Amino acid sequence: MERVWEESYKAYGVRKVWRQLVREGIDVARCTVARLMRDMDIQGIIRGKPHRATISDKRAPCLLDKVNREFRVPAPNMLGAYPLDTSKRIR
């Protein structure tokens, strides 16, 4: 398996390594090839540019609350509390 991977200039992934082994007459399951490649830390070349999440700057100041939202509640589970008569549905 490692020979097939190196002959492909370390470009083949699980599926292509598995197909080449089957062509050579080595009967092996694809999941076995995947597990062994993972254990041997072998990986094929991945197309495209890798996507990176935004890395936040820890030194940047925290933004101010420009909307003046009130985050204090009078009691637990009361953040969205309002009188029930104001929420009547129109039928």
N, C-alpha and C. Protein backbone atom coordinates (compact mmCIF):
# COMPACT_ATOMS: atom_id res chain seq x y z
N MET A 1 0.83 -1.18 0.00
CA MET A 1 0.00 0.00 0.00
C MET A 1 0.88 1.25 0.00
N GLU A 2 1.89 1.26 0.83
CA GLU A 2 2.79 2.41 0.87
C GLU A 2 3.55 2.55 -0.45
N ARG A 3 3.87 1.44 -1.08
CA ARG A 3 4.56 1.47 -2.37
C ARG A 3 3.70 2.14 -3.43
N VAL A 4 2.41 1.77 -3.48
CA VAL A 4 1.49 2.37 -4.45
C VAL A 4 1.37 3.87 -4.20
N TRP A 5 1.30 4.26 -2.94
CA TRP A 5 1.18 5.67 -2.58
C TRP A 5 2.42 6.45 -2.99
N GLU A 6 3.60 5.87 -2.76
CA GLU A 6 4.84 6.56 -3.12
C GLU A 6 5.06 6.58 -4.62
N GLU A 7 4.62 5.54 -5.34
CA GLU A 7 4.75 5.54 -6.80
C GLU A 7 3.86 6.60 -7.43
N SER A 8 2.82 7.00 -6.75
CA SER A 8 1.95 8.06 -7.26
C SER A 8 2.44 9.44 -6.83
N TYR A 9 3.68 9.51 -6.36
CA TYR A 9 4.28 10.75 -5.86
C TYR A 9 3.47 11.30 -4.69
N LYS A 10 2.98 10.39 -3.87
CA LYS A 10 2.22 10.70 -2.64
C LYS A 10 0.97 11.52 -2.94
N ALA A 11 0.39 11.27 -4.11
CA ALA A 11 -0.80 12.02 -4.53
C ALA A 11 -2.08 11.23 -4.34
N TYR A 12 -2.02 9.90 -4.40
CA TYR A 12 -3.23 9.08 -4.33
C TYR A 12 -3.83 9.10 -2.94
N GLY A 13 -5.15 9.15 -2.91
CA GLY A 13 -5.89 9.02 -1.67
C GLY A 13 -6.33 7.59 -1.48
N VAL A 14 -7.26 7.38 -0.58
CA VAL A 14 -7.73 6.04 -0.23
C VAL A 14 -8.31 5.32 -1.44
N ARG A 15 -9.20 6.00 -2.16
CA ARG A 15 -9.91 5.34 -3.26
C ARG A 15 -8.95 4.91 -4.36
N LYS A 16 -8.01 5.76 -4.75
CA LYS A 16 -7.10 5.41 -5.84
C LYS A 16 -6.08 4.36 -5.41
N VAL A 17 -5.62 4.41 -4.18
CA VAL A 17 -4.71 3.36 -3.68
C VAL A 17 -5.44 2.03 -3.68
N TRP A 18 -6.67 2.03 -3.20
CA TRP A 18 -7.47 0.80 -3.17
C TRP A 18 -7.69 0.25 -4.57
N ARG A 19 -8.05 1.11 -5.54
CA ARG A 19 -8.27 0.66 -6.92
C ARG A 19 -7.00 0.06 -7.51
N GLN A 20 -5.86 0.67 -7.24
CA GLN A 20 -4.59 0.15 -7.76
C GLN A 20 -4.26 -1.20 -7.14
N LEU A 21 -4.52 -1.37 -5.87
CA LEU A 21 -4.28 -2.66 -5.23
C LEU A 21 -5.17 -3.74 -5.82
N VAL A 22 -6.43 -3.41 -6.11
CA VAL A 22 -7.35 -4.38 -6.73
C VAL A 22 -6.86 -4.74 -8.13
N ARG A 23 -6.37 -3.74 -8.89
CA ARG A 23 -5.83 -4.02 -10.23
C ARG A 23 -4.63 -4.95 -10.18
N GLU A 24 -3.84 -4.83 -9.13
CA GLU A 24 -2.66 -5.68 -8.98
C GLU A 24 -2.99 -7.05 -8.42
N GLY A 25 -4.25 -7.30 -8.12
CA GLY A 25 -4.67 -8.61 -7.65
C GLY A 25 -4.67 -8.77 -6.15
N ILE A 26 -4.48 -7.69 -5.42
CA ILE A 26 -4.51 -7.74 -3.96
C ILE A 26 -5.94 -7.43 -3.53
N ASP A 27 -6.64 -8.44 -3.01
CA ASP A 27 -8.03 -8.30 -2.62
C ASP A 27 -8.10 -7.77 -1.19
N VAL A 28 -8.48 -6.51 -1.07
CA VAL A 28 -8.55 -5.87 0.24
C VAL A 28 -9.75 -4.92 0.23
N ALA A 29 -10.36 -4.75 1.38
CA ALA A 29 -11.52 -3.85 1.50
C ALA A 29 -11.05 -2.40 1.53
N ARG A 30 -11.89 -1.53 0.99
CA ARG A 30 -11.52 -0.11 0.95
C ARG A 30 -11.43 0.48 2.36
N CYS A 31 -12.30 0.02 3.26
CA CYS A 31 -12.25 0.55 4.62
C CYS A 31 -10.96 0.14 5.33
N THR A 32 -10.43 -1.02 4.95
CA THR A 32 -9.15 -1.47 5.52
C THR A 32 -8.02 -0.58 5.03
N VAL A 33 -8.06 -0.24 3.74
CA VAL A 33 -7.04 0.66 3.19
C VAL A 33 -7.14 2.02 3.88
N ALA A 34 -8.35 2.50 4.09
CA ALA A 34 -8.55 3.79 4.75
C ALA A 34 -8.00 3.75 6.18
N ARG A 35 -8.29 2.69 6.91
CA ARG A 35 -7.82 2.58 8.29
C ARG A 35 -6.31 2.51 8.35
N LEU A 36 -5.71 1.69 7.47
CA LEU A 36 -4.25 1.55 7.48
C LEU A 36 -3.57 2.85 7.07
N MET A 37 -4.13 3.55 6.08
CA MET A 37 -3.54 4.83 5.68
C MET A 37 -3.65 5.85 6.81
N ARG A 38 -4.76 5.83 7.53
CA ARG A 38 -4.92 6.73 8.67
C ARG A 38 -3.91 6.39 9.77
N ASP A 39 -3.73 5.09 10.04
CA ASP A 39 -2.78 4.66 11.07
C ASP A 39 -1.34 5.01 10.70
N MET A 40 -1.02 4.93 9.40
CA MET A 40 0.33 5.22 8.93
C MET A 40 0.53 6.71 8.65
N ASP A 41 -0.50 7.51 8.90
CA ASP A 41 -0.47 8.95 8.67
C ASP A 41 -0.14 9.28 7.22
N ILE A 42 -0.78 8.54 6.30
CA ILE A 42 -0.62 8.74 4.87
C ILE A 42 -1.88 9.41 4.36
N GLN A 43 -1.70 10.47 3.55
CA GLN A 43 -2.84 11.20 3.02
C GLN A 43 -2.53 11.63 1.60
N GLY A 44 -3.53 11.58 0.74
CA GLY A 44 -3.36 12.03 -0.63
C GLY A 44 -3.40 13.55 -0.71
N ILE A 45 -3.10 14.05 -1.90
CA ILE A 45 -3.15 15.49 -2.12
C ILE A 45 -4.60 15.92 -2.23
N ILE A 46 -4.94 17.03 -1.59
CA ILE A 46 -6.30 17.54 -1.58
C ILE A 46 -6.38 18.71 -2.55
N ARG A 47 -7.38 18.67 -3.42
CA ARG A 47 -7.57 19.74 -4.39
C ARG A 47 -8.04 21.02 -3.74
N GLY A 48 -7.66 22.12 -4.30
CA GLY A 48 -8.17 23.42 -3.86
C GLY A 48 -7.41 23.99 -2.68
N LYS A 49 -7.81 25.18 -2.33
CA LYS A 49 -7.18 25.89 -1.23
C LYS A 49 -7.88 25.50 0.07
N PRO A 50 -7.15 25.21 1.13
CA PRO A 50 -7.82 24.86 2.39
C PRO A 50 -8.54 26.08 2.97
N HIS A 51 -9.72 25.83 3.49
CA HIS A 51 -10.52 26.90 4.08
C HIS A 51 -10.12 27.08 5.54
N ARG A 52 -9.91 28.32 5.93
CA ARG A 52 -9.54 28.61 7.31
C ARG A 52 -10.61 29.49 7.94
N ALA A 53 -10.91 29.21 9.16
CA ALA A 53 -11.85 30.05 9.89
C ALA A 53 -11.13 31.35 10.27
N THR A 54 -11.89 32.36 10.57
CA THR A 54 -11.32 33.63 10.97
C THR A 54 -10.60 33.46 12.30
N ILE A 55 -9.39 33.94 12.37
CA ILE A 55 -8.62 33.88 13.61
C ILE A 55 -8.73 35.24 14.28
N SER A 56 -9.35 35.27 15.45
CA SER A 56 -9.58 36.55 16.13
C SER A 56 -8.29 37.03 16.78
N ASP A 57 -8.17 38.34 16.86
CA ASP A 57 -7.01 38.97 17.49
C ASP A 57 -7.34 39.17 18.96
N LYS A 58 -6.62 38.50 19.83
CA LYS A 58 -6.89 38.58 21.28
C LYS A 58 -6.54 39.95 21.84
N ARG A 59 -5.67 40.69 21.16
CA ARG A 59 -5.26 42.01 21.66
C ARG A 59 -6.24 43.11 21.26
N ALA A 60 -7.17 42.82 20.35
CA ALA A 60 -8.12 43.84 19.90
C ALA A 60 -9.10 44.16 21.03
N PRO A 61 -9.49 45.43 21.16
CA PRO A 61 -10.43 45.79 22.23
C PRO A 61 -11.82 45.24 21.94
N CYS A 62 -12.57 45.00 23.01
CA CYS A 62 -13.93 44.50 22.89
C CYS A 62 -14.82 45.64 22.38
N LEU A 63 -15.73 45.33 21.49
CA LEU A 63 -16.62 46.36 20.95
C LEU A 63 -17.63 46.78 22.01
N LEU A 64 -17.99 48.06 21.97
CA LEU A 64 -18.97 48.58 22.93
C LEU A 64 -20.38 48.20 22.51
N ASP A 65 -21.27 48.21 23.49
CA ASP A 65 -22.68 47.91 23.22
C ASP A 65 -23.35 49.21 22.77
N LYS A 66 -23.42 49.42 21.46
CA LYS A 66 -23.94 50.67 20.92
C LYS A 66 -25.46 50.74 20.93
N VAL A 67 -26.13 49.63 21.17
CA VAL A 67 -27.59 49.60 21.17
C VAL A 67 -28.13 49.77 22.59
N ASN A 68 -27.27 49.73 23.58
CA ASN A 68 -27.64 49.84 25.00
C ASN A 68 -28.61 48.74 25.41
N ARG A 69 -28.30 47.53 25.04
CA ARG A 69 -29.14 46.40 25.42
C ARG A 69 -29.01 46.13 26.90
N GLU A 70 -30.09 45.70 27.51
CA GLU A 70 -30.11 45.39 28.93
C GLU A 70 -30.03 43.88 29.10
N PHE A 71 -28.96 43.40 29.70
CA PHE A 71 -28.76 41.96 29.84
C PHE A 71 -29.09 41.46 31.24
N ARG A 72 -29.55 42.34 32.13
CA ARG A 72 -29.92 41.91 33.47
C ARG A 72 -31.39 41.52 33.50
N VAL A 73 -31.71 40.44 34.18
CA VAL A 73 -33.10 39.98 34.29
C VAL A 73 -33.50 40.00 35.76
N PRO A 74 -34.79 40.25 36.07
CA PRO A 74 -35.22 40.33 37.47
C PRO A 74 -35.21 38.97 38.18
N ALA A 75 -35.41 37.89 37.43
CA ALA A 75 -35.44 36.56 38.02
C ALA A 75 -35.00 35.55 36.96
N PRO A 76 -34.68 34.33 37.37
CA PRO A 76 -34.29 33.33 36.37
C PRO A 76 -35.42 33.05 35.37
N ASN A 77 -35.07 32.77 34.15
CA ASN A 77 -36.01 32.45 33.07
C ASN A 77 -37.02 33.57 32.80
N MET A 78 -36.62 34.80 32.96
CA MET A 78 -37.53 35.93 32.77
C MET A 78 -37.01 36.89 31.70
N LEU A 79 -36.10 36.46 30.86
CA LEU A 79 -35.50 37.38 29.89
C LEU A 79 -36.52 37.90 28.90
N GLY A 80 -37.41 37.04 28.40
CA GLY A 80 -38.40 37.47 27.42
C GLY A 80 -39.78 37.64 28.04
N ALA A 81 -39.86 37.95 29.32
CA ALA A 81 -41.16 38.02 30.00
C ALA A 81 -41.87 39.33 29.66
N TYR A 82 -43.15 39.23 29.36
CA TYR A 82 -44.00 40.38 29.11
C TYR A 82 -45.43 39.96 29.40
N PRO A 83 -46.32 40.90 29.60
CA PRO A 83 -47.72 40.54 29.93
C PRO A 83 -48.36 39.72 28.81
N LEU A 84 -49.13 38.72 29.20
CA LEU A 84 -49.72 37.82 28.22
C LEU A 84 -50.80 38.48 27.38
N ASP A 85 -51.48 39.51 27.93
CA ASP A 85 -52.56 40.14 27.17
C ASP A 85 -52.04 40.93 25.96
N THR A 86 -50.76 41.25 25.93
CA THR A 86 -50.21 41.98 24.78
C THR A 86 -49.85 41.06 23.64
N SER A 87 -49.92 39.75 23.87
CA SER A 87 -49.49 38.82 22.82
C SER A 87 -50.66 38.05 22.22
N LYS A 88 -51.87 38.64 22.24
CA LYS A 88 -53.04 37.95 21.68
C LYS A 88 -52.91 37.88 20.16
N ARG A 89 -53.30 36.73 19.63
CA ARG A 89 -53.27 36.57 18.17
C ARG A 89 -54.56 37.08 17.56
N ILE A 90 -54.47 37.63 16.39
CA ILE A 90 -55.65 38.07 15.66
C ILE A 90 -56.13 36.91 14.82
N ARG A 91 -57.41 36.57 14.95
CA ARG A 91 -57.94 35.44 14.18
C ARG A 91 -58.89 35.89 13.14
